[in-house]
Amino acid sequence: MSDFEVARRQKQEPTATLLVRFIACFALFLGGLALLAIGSIGESASSPFLFVGGIVAVGLSFGLPMTGATER
């Protein structure tokens, strides 16, 4: 058997901060999905940019919570 242990955080962030971060990332995720949908349906010249913007927004919604994280 291995002796795997999770490194504990030295200081936990306040609950309000975690909640605001969650809501912001969730809104960014939903906005990214909306941009993907609008970019894939439309036939205007800006459709590719909306689609790529949606991909970037969804990627950021997963990446932003990881800022400041360290490998444990």
Protein backbone atom coordinates (compact mmCIF):
# COMPACT_ATOMS: atom_id res chain seq x y z
CA MET A 1 0.00 0.00 0.00
CA SER A 2 1.09 3.55 -0.60
CA ASP A 3 1.27 6.29 1.98
CA PHE A 4 -0.65 8.90 0.00
CA GLU A 5 -1.65 12.01 1.90
CA VAL A 6 -3.26 15.21 0.67
CA ALA A 7 -1.38 18.37 1.58
CA ARG A 8 -3.63 20.57 3.69
CA ARG A 9 -4.00 24.25 2.92
CA GLN A 10 -2.31 26.59 5.32
CA LYS A 11 -5.10 29.17 5.10
CA GLN A 12 -8.63 28.55 3.83
CA GLU A 13 -10.21 31.33 1.80
CA PRO A 14 -13.43 32.90 3.13
CA THR A 15 -16.64 31.26 2.01
CA ALA A 16 -17.91 34.45 0.33
CA THR A 17 -14.79 34.58 -1.85
CA LEU A 18 -15.22 30.98 -2.92
CA LEU A 19 -18.90 31.55 -3.69
CA VAL A 20 -18.24 34.65 -5.80
CA ARG A 21 -15.49 32.81 -7.71
CA PHE A 22 -17.83 29.89 -8.37
CA ILE A 23 -20.65 32.12 -9.61
CA ALA A 24 -18.29 34.12 -11.85
CA CYS A 25 -16.79 31.00 -13.41
CA PHE A 26 -20.22 29.43 -13.88
CA ALA A 27 -21.47 32.59 -15.60
CA LEU A 28 -18.36 32.60 -17.80
CA PHE A 29 -19.03 28.95 -18.70
CA LEU A 30 -22.67 29.61 -19.61
CA GLY A 31 -21.71 32.73 -21.56
CA GLY A 32 -19.13 30.68 -23.45
CA LEU A 33 -21.75 28.10 -24.35
CA ALA A 34 -24.04 30.87 -25.58
CA LEU A 35 -21.24 32.31 -27.71
CA LEU A 36 -20.57 28.86 -29.16
CA ALA A 37 -24.24 28.50 -30.05
CA ILE A 38 -24.54 31.96 -31.59
CA GLY A 39 -21.30 31.53 -33.51
CA SER A 40 -22.32 28.18 -34.94
CA ILE A 41 -25.83 29.26 -36.01
CA GLY A 42 -25.13 32.66 -37.51
CA GLU A 43 -23.87 33.27 -41.00
CA SER A 44 -22.46 36.74 -40.49
CA ALA A 45 -18.81 37.68 -40.77
CA SER A 46 -18.37 37.69 -36.99
CA SER A 47 -19.52 34.08 -36.48
CA PRO A 48 -16.02 32.55 -36.41
CA PHE A 49 -14.90 35.12 -33.86
CA LEU A 50 -17.91 34.41 -31.65
CA PHE A 51 -17.27 30.69 -31.86
CA VAL A 52 -13.59 31.05 -30.94
CA GLY A 53 -14.56 33.49 -28.18
CA GLY A 54 -16.88 30.84 -26.80
CA ILE A 55 -14.07 28.29 -26.76
CA VAL A 56 -11.81 30.76 -24.96
CA ALA A 57 -14.53 31.65 -22.42
CA VAL A 58 -15.22 28.01 -21.60
CA GLY A 59 -11.50 27.37 -21.27
CA LEU A 60 -11.11 30.33 -18.93
CA SER A 61 -14.04 29.17 -16.82
CA PHE A 62 -12.08 26.00 -16.07
CA GLY A 63 -8.68 27.68 -15.86
CA LEU A 64 -9.38 30.66 -13.63
CA PRO A 65 -10.14 28.63 -10.49
CA MET A 66 -6.72 27.00 -10.90
CA THR A 67 -4.77 30.25 -10.62
CA GLY A 68 -2.57 30.20 -7.59
CA ALA A 69 -2.89 26.44 -7.22
CA THR A 70 0.21 24.42 -6.57
CA GLU A 71 0.97 20.80 -7.13
CA ARG A 72 0.57 18.92 -3.91
